[in-house]
Amino acid sequence: MLFTIRRISVPTLLTAAFATAIFTFEPAAAPTDDRRAATSQNGMRLHYPPQHLPILTLPNGNRRSIRSVLNVTHAQQHGDYVWNDTGVPTGPVWVRADLALQTLSVFRGGHEIGSAVILYGADRKPTPEGVYPILAKAKHHRSNLYDADMPYMLRLTGDGIAIHASKVRAGSATHGCIGVPLAFAKRLFREVERGDPVAIFAP
């Protein structure tokens, strides 16, 4: 369910060249020079050497190492997304939603395979920070509270917070859910399973 607000500005997706700014490095593994020098570029992906893997601390204190990120070199707007899992092996899947950056990233085995510009909850219906397991999946779901379609729904909380397909456009927000572009939602739905964690970072 979407409604119009004024406070959300047009987002720009964090480019991979600066993606290390969101991570912290283990002291023993921290490179002494520019962090970007610790990556190797391979087409659509930036790889970190094993001795310099960045570590991301989740809201619950758990930590995840990052092996590679998508090489997004241009700013993206509402409705845009990137998905590339070519050559990425199977492994544990988790999702990172950063409300301040207005982006959602999907990781498999420590490799970022998808990233999208998102919508999230307005001030009176905020999206909650925390780490939530995916409780349920439904391709076709309709909200009982708002009488609205929520395609490719991934339920995160018992009170209705979910990730689902939305018309991701400037000036819009949700009633607490995370809205992603339809094509991205389809890929995400296929990739995740019940129990996979979703880490939401509040501004």
Protein backbone atom coordinates (compact mmCIF):
# COMPACT_ATOMS: atom_id res chain seq x y z
CA MET A 1 0.00 0.00 0.00
CA LEU A 2 1.51 3.32 -1.11
CA PHE A 3 0.79 6.91 -0.29
CA THR A 4 2.46 10.19 -1.17
CA ILE A 5 4.77 12.08 1.17
CA ARG A 6 7.22 14.92 0.69
CA ARG A 7 10.28 13.96 2.69
CA ILE A 8 11.77 11.22 0.47
CA SER A 9 14.10 12.61 -2.15
CA VAL A 10 15.28 10.92 -5.33
CA PRO A 11 17.84 8.33 -4.21
CA THR A 12 21.15 7.40 -5.69
CA LEU A 13 22.32 3.83 -5.37
CA LEU A 14 25.66 3.49 -3.61
CA THR A 15 28.26 2.65 -6.24
CA ALA A 16 30.53 -0.29 -5.62
CA ALA A 17 33.59 1.98 -5.73
CA PHE A 18 32.39 3.49 -2.46
CA ALA A 19 30.57 0.48 -1.04
CA THR A 20 33.33 -0.22 1.46
CA ALA A 21 32.23 2.89 3.35
CA ILE A 22 29.34 0.87 4.82
CA PHE A 23 31.59 -1.88 6.14
CA THR A 24 34.05 -2.17 8.98
CA PHE A 25 37.28 -4.14 8.69
CA GLU A 26 38.73 -6.52 11.24
CA PRO A 27 41.85 -4.84 12.74
CA ALA A 28 44.11 -7.74 11.78
CA ALA A 29 42.91 -7.67 8.20
CA ALA A 30 42.59 -3.95 7.57
CA PRO A 31 44.59 -2.74 4.57
CA THR A 32 46.92 0.19 5.16
CA ASP A 33 46.08 1.98 1.92
CA ASP A 34 42.81 3.01 0.29
CA ARG A 35 40.21 0.29 0.84
CA ARG A 36 39.29 0.41 -2.82
CA ALA A 37 42.79 -0.81 -3.63
CA ALA A 38 41.97 -4.04 -1.84
CA THR A 39 39.41 -4.97 -4.49
CA SER A 40 39.84 -6.56 -7.89
CA GLN A 41 37.39 -5.75 -10.64
CA ASN A 42 35.81 -8.49 -12.73
CA GLY A 43 33.21 -6.99 -15.05
CA MET A 44 30.03 -6.51 -13.04
CA ARG A 45 31.65 -7.46 -9.71
CA LEU A 46 34.29 -6.17 -7.31
CA HIS A 47 36.06 -8.94 -5.38
CA TYR A 48 37.83 -8.60 -2.03
CA PRO A 49 40.96 -10.66 -1.35
CA PRO A 50 40.48 -13.23 1.43
CA GLN A 51 42.86 -11.39 3.78
CA HIS A 52 40.88 -8.13 3.46
CA LEU A 53 37.24 -9.18 3.64
CA PRO A 54 35.07 -6.34 4.96
CA ILE A 55 32.84 -7.19 7.91
CA LEU A 56 29.32 -5.83 8.26
CA THR A 57 27.79 -5.69 11.76
CA LEU A 58 24.03 -6.28 11.76
CA PRO A 59 21.57 -4.53 14.09
CA ASN A 60 21.48 -7.60 16.36
CA GLY A 61 25.28 -7.62 16.72
CA ASN A 62 25.89 -10.56 14.38
CA ARG A 63 28.58 -10.04 11.77
CA ARG A 64 28.77 -10.98 8.10
CA SER A 65 31.83 -11.02 5.87
CA ILE A 66 31.50 -9.69 2.32
CA ARG A 67 33.39 -11.42 -0.50
CA SER A 68 32.26 -9.27 -3.42
CA VAL A 69 29.82 -6.52 -4.36
CA LEU A 70 28.15 -5.58 -7.61
CA ASN A 71 30.10 -3.04 -9.64
CA VAL A 72 27.36 -0.40 -9.94
CA THR A 73 29.05 2.58 -11.53
CA HIS A 74 26.11 4.92 -12.09
CA ALA A 75 23.47 6.51 -9.92
CA GLN A 76 20.11 4.76 -9.95
CA GLN A 77 16.65 6.18 -9.57
CA HIS A 78 13.32 4.95 -8.21
CA GLY A 79 12.35 1.71 -9.93
CA ASP A 80 15.92 0.75 -10.89
CA TYR A 81 17.67 -2.43 -9.84
CA VAL A 82 20.70 -4.56 -10.67
CA TRP A 83 20.88 -8.37 -10.54
CA ASN A 84 23.85 -10.49 -11.51
CA ASP A 85 24.58 -13.88 -9.94
CA THR A 86 26.70 -15.23 -12.78
CA GLY A 87 29.46 -17.40 -11.35
CA VAL A 88 28.28 -16.97 -7.76
CA PRO A 89 28.21 -20.37 -5.99
CA THR A 90 25.41 -21.63 -3.81
CA GLY A 91 25.52 -20.56 -0.18
CA PRO A 92 23.56 -18.95 2.63
CA VAL A 93 21.31 -16.12 1.50
CA TRP A 94 20.57 -12.97 3.48
CA VAL A 95 19.16 -9.55 2.70
CA ARG A 96 20.31 -6.09 3.77
CA ALA A 97 17.91 -3.12 3.66
CA ASP A 98 19.45 0.29 4.35
CA LEU A 99 16.70 2.86 4.83
CA ALA A 100 19.09 5.82 4.90
CA LEU A 101 20.53 4.84 1.51
CA GLN A 102 17.09 3.67 0.32
CA THR A 103 18.57 0.45 -1.05
CA LEU A 104 18.18 -3.27 -0.57
CA SER A 105 20.95 -5.78 -1.30
CA VAL A 106 20.81 -9.56 -1.60
CA PHE A 107 23.85 -11.66 -0.64
CA ARG A 108 24.55 -15.30 -1.41
CA GLY A 109 27.58 -16.95 0.11
CA GLY A 110 28.99 -13.52 0.94
CA HIS A 111 28.57 -12.19 -2.63
CA GLU A 112 26.12 -9.41 -3.45
CA ILE A 113 23.90 -10.66 -6.28
CA GLY A 114 21.15 -8.03 -6.36
CA SER A 115 20.54 -4.42 -5.38
CA ALA A 116 17.52 -2.17 -5.78
CA VAL A 117 16.20 1.26 -4.87
CA ILE A 118 13.34 0.79 -2.41
CA LEU A 119 10.41 2.44 -0.68
CA TYR A 120 9.95 2.18 3.08
CA GLY A 121 7.64 3.39 5.85
CA ALA A 122 6.83 7.02 6.47
CA ASP A 123 7.27 8.67 9.88
CA ARG A 124 3.84 7.66 11.16
CA LYS A 125 4.27 4.07 9.92
CA PRO A 126 8.03 3.47 10.15
CA THR A 127 9.85 0.39 8.94
CA PRO A 128 11.38 -1.22 12.05
CA GLU A 129 15.12 -1.69 12.44
CA GLY A 130 16.34 -5.18 13.31
CA VAL A 131 17.05 -8.63 11.92
CA TYR A 132 14.01 -10.67 10.93
CA PRO A 133 13.67 -14.17 9.49
CA ILE A 134 11.38 -14.58 6.51
CA LEU A 135 8.26 -16.04 8.10
CA ALA A 136 6.19 -16.72 4.99
CA LYS A 137 6.20 -16.34 1.20
CA ALA A 138 3.24 -15.72 -1.11
CA LYS A 139 3.27 -14.83 -4.81
CA HIS A 140 -0.25 -13.43 -4.57
CA HIS A 141 -1.14 -11.69 -1.32
CA ARG A 142 -3.61 -8.98 -0.44
CA SER A 143 -3.34 -6.88 2.70
CA ASN A 144 -6.25 -7.29 5.10
CA LEU A 145 -5.41 -3.98 6.78
CA TYR A 146 -5.17 -1.80 3.68
CA ASP A 147 -7.05 -3.86 1.06
CA ALA A 148 -4.05 -3.64 -1.26
CA ASP A 149 -2.15 -6.14 -3.40
CA MET A 150 1.30 -7.19 -2.14
CA PRO A 151 2.77 -9.33 -4.95
CA TYR A 152 5.71 -11.61 -4.17
CA MET A 153 5.28 -10.99 -0.46
CA LEU A 154 7.97 -12.00 2.04
CA ARG A 155 6.54 -11.61 5.55
CA LEU A 156 9.00 -10.47 8.21
CA THR A 157 6.87 -9.81 11.31
CA GLY A 158 3.63 -11.05 12.81
CA ASP A 159 2.02 -7.61 12.50
CA GLY A 160 2.34 -7.44 8.72
CA ILE A 161 5.75 -5.92 7.90
CA ALA A 162 6.95 -7.48 4.64
CA ILE A 163 9.01 -7.04 1.51
CA HIS A 164 6.87 -6.98 -1.61
CA ALA A 165 6.60 -5.62 -5.14
CA SER A 166 5.58 -1.97 -5.35
CA LYS A 167 5.49 0.89 -7.80
CA VAL A 168 8.75 2.39 -6.58
CA ARG A 169 8.40 6.06 -7.45
CA ALA A 170 9.60 9.39 -6.10
CA GLY A 171 7.54 10.93 -3.32
CA SER A 172 5.97 7.65 -2.20
CA ALA A 173 6.25 5.56 0.95
CA THR A 174 4.68 2.47 2.50
CA HIS A 175 2.85 1.65 5.71
CA GLY A 176 6.02 0.09 7.13
CA CYS A 177 6.76 -2.50 4.46
CA ILE A 178 9.72 -2.46 2.09
CA GLY A 179 8.66 -1.95 -1.51
CA VAL A 180 10.86 -3.16 -4.37
CA PRO A 181 10.41 -3.08 -8.17
CA LEU A 182 8.26 -5.92 -9.55
CA ALA A 183 10.98 -7.55 -11.67
CA PHE A 184 13.38 -7.46 -8.70
CA ALA A 185 10.70 -8.85 -6.38
CA LYS A 186 10.28 -11.88 -8.65
CA ARG A 187 14.02 -12.64 -8.56
CA LEU A 188 14.20 -12.08 -4.81
CA PHE A 189 11.19 -14.34 -4.23
CA ARG A 190 12.88 -17.19 -6.12
CA GLU A 191 16.19 -16.69 -4.32
CA VAL A 192 15.13 -16.66 -0.65
CA GLU A 193 13.58 -19.30 1.56
CA ARG A 194 11.65 -19.19 4.80
CA GLY A 195 14.04 -18.54 7.66
CA ASP A 196 16.54 -16.51 5.64
CA PRO A 197 17.47 -13.37 7.59
CA VAL A 198 16.65 -9.80 6.56
CA ALA A 199 18.70 -7.07 8.28
CA ILE A 200 17.03 -3.65 8.30
CA PHE A 201 19.17 -0.61 9.10
CA ALA A 202 17.26 2.51 10.12
CA PRO A 203 18.46 6.05 9.25
